[in-house]
Amino acid sequence: MKTVKEVSNLTGISVRTLHYYDEIGLLKPTGKSKAGYRLYDDKALETLQQVLFFREFDIPLKEIKAIMANLALDRNQILQMQRKMLKRRLRKCFRL
């Protein structure tokens, strides 16, 4: 388990942003320490990794939340979506 500060240092995402993601229900901490600090496990860090990927493509948080909440969406579908987004970005960058 990592504290919000450790996750911030690891990812470069500010503590305030992580707090905001918690407030809007995008990334809930796994638990809290006795001192009240948010704690994140490996599964939460995987979720954050997906959120950060979608943010790289300027997808609004509201849409990311809807994507992440879609229980019918499996890992393969997410990877396929990511692949399509990467291809679009490459085409846009290189005007292919």
Protein backbone atom coordinates (compact mmCIF):
# COMPACT_ATOMS: atom_id res chain seq x y z
CA MET A 1 0.00 0.00 0.00
CA LYS A 2 1.20 3.44 -0.92
CA THR A 3 0.20 6.78 0.56
CA VAL A 4 -1.18 9.55 -1.59
CA LYS A 5 2.18 11.32 -1.31
CA GLU A 6 4.04 8.20 -2.48
CA VAL A 7 1.65 7.83 -5.44
CA SER A 8 2.18 11.50 -6.25
CA ASN A 9 5.96 11.08 -6.19
CA LEU A 10 5.75 7.89 -8.26
CA THR A 11 3.46 9.29 -10.97
CA GLY A 12 4.12 13.01 -11.00
CA ILE A 13 0.42 13.65 -10.36
CA SER A 14 -0.15 16.22 -7.64
CA VAL A 15 -1.64 15.23 -4.32
CA ARG A 16 -4.44 17.72 -5.00
CA THR A 17 -5.26 16.01 -8.30
CA LEU A 18 -5.38 12.62 -6.57
CA HIS A 19 -7.70 14.11 -3.94
CA TYR A 20 -9.88 15.50 -6.73
CA TYR A 21 -10.03 12.12 -8.47
CA ASP A 22 -11.24 10.71 -5.15
CA GLU A 23 -13.84 13.48 -4.75
CA ILE A 24 -15.34 12.83 -8.18
CA GLY A 25 -15.21 9.06 -7.76
CA LEU A 26 -12.71 8.46 -10.54
CA LEU A 27 -10.01 6.92 -8.34
CA LYS A 28 -11.02 5.90 -4.86
CA PRO A 29 -8.26 5.01 -2.41
CA THR A 30 -8.15 1.39 -1.31
CA GLY A 31 -8.27 2.46 2.31
CA LYS A 32 -7.04 4.94 4.86
CA SER A 33 -4.23 4.79 7.38
CA LYS A 34 -4.79 5.25 11.09
CA ALA A 35 -3.70 8.85 10.57
CA GLY A 36 -6.38 9.30 7.87
CA TYR A 37 -4.07 9.28 4.84
CA ARG A 38 -5.41 7.77 1.63
CA LEU A 39 -3.79 4.45 0.73
CA TYR A 40 -3.58 2.85 -2.71
CA ASP A 41 -2.90 -0.78 -3.61
CA ASP A 42 -1.58 -2.17 -6.90
CA LYS A 43 -5.07 -2.45 -8.37
CA ALA A 44 -5.73 1.24 -7.68
CA LEU A 45 -2.40 2.09 -9.33
CA GLU A 46 -3.46 0.11 -12.42
CA THR A 47 -6.67 2.13 -12.50
CA LEU A 48 -4.66 5.33 -12.22
CA GLN A 49 -2.45 4.16 -15.08
CA GLN A 50 -5.53 3.78 -17.29
CA VAL A 51 -6.85 7.19 -16.25
CA LEU A 52 -3.51 8.78 -17.09
CA PHE A 53 -3.46 7.05 -20.46
CA PHE A 54 -6.88 8.43 -21.38
CA ARG A 55 -5.84 11.89 -20.11
CA GLU A 56 -2.92 11.81 -22.54
CA PHE A 57 -5.52 11.86 -25.30
CA ASP A 58 -7.34 14.82 -23.75
CA ILE A 59 -10.40 12.74 -22.91
CA PRO A 60 -12.49 14.62 -20.32
CA LEU A 61 -12.60 13.16 -16.83
CA LYS A 62 -16.36 12.68 -17.08
CA GLU A 63 -15.90 10.44 -20.14
CA ILE A 64 -13.01 8.56 -18.52
CA LYS A 65 -15.22 7.88 -15.52
CA ALA A 66 -17.95 6.50 -17.80
CA ILE A 67 -15.46 4.29 -19.62
CA MET A 68 -14.00 2.98 -16.36
CA ALA A 69 -17.47 2.38 -14.89
CA ASN A 70 -18.54 0.25 -17.85
CA LEU A 71 -18.47 -3.22 -16.30
CA ALA A 72 -18.99 -4.82 -19.70
CA LEU A 73 -15.70 -3.33 -20.87
CA ASP A 74 -12.97 -5.91 -20.43
CA ARG A 75 -9.22 -5.48 -20.49
CA ASN A 76 -8.97 -6.53 -24.14
CA GLN A 77 -11.46 -3.85 -25.16
CA ILE A 78 -9.52 -1.23 -23.22
CA LEU A 79 -6.29 -2.30 -24.90
CA GLN A 80 -7.98 -2.16 -28.30
CA MET A 81 -9.27 1.34 -27.53
CA GLN A 82 -5.80 2.40 -26.47
CA ARG A 83 -4.31 0.97 -29.65
CA LYS A 84 -6.83 2.87 -31.80
CA MET A 85 -6.10 6.09 -29.93
CA LEU A 86 -2.36 5.63 -30.39
CA LYS A 87 -2.82 5.02 -34.10
CA ARG A 88 -4.95 8.18 -34.41
CA ARG A 89 -2.34 10.20 -32.56
CA LEU A 90 0.43 8.86 -34.78
CA ARG A 91 -1.56 9.69 -37.92
CA LYS A 92 -2.23 13.15 -36.58
CA CYS A 93 1.43 13.74 -35.68
CA PHE A 94 2.79 12.42 -38.94
CA ARG A 95 -0.26 13.25 -41.07
CA LEU A 96 -0.41 9.72 -42.43
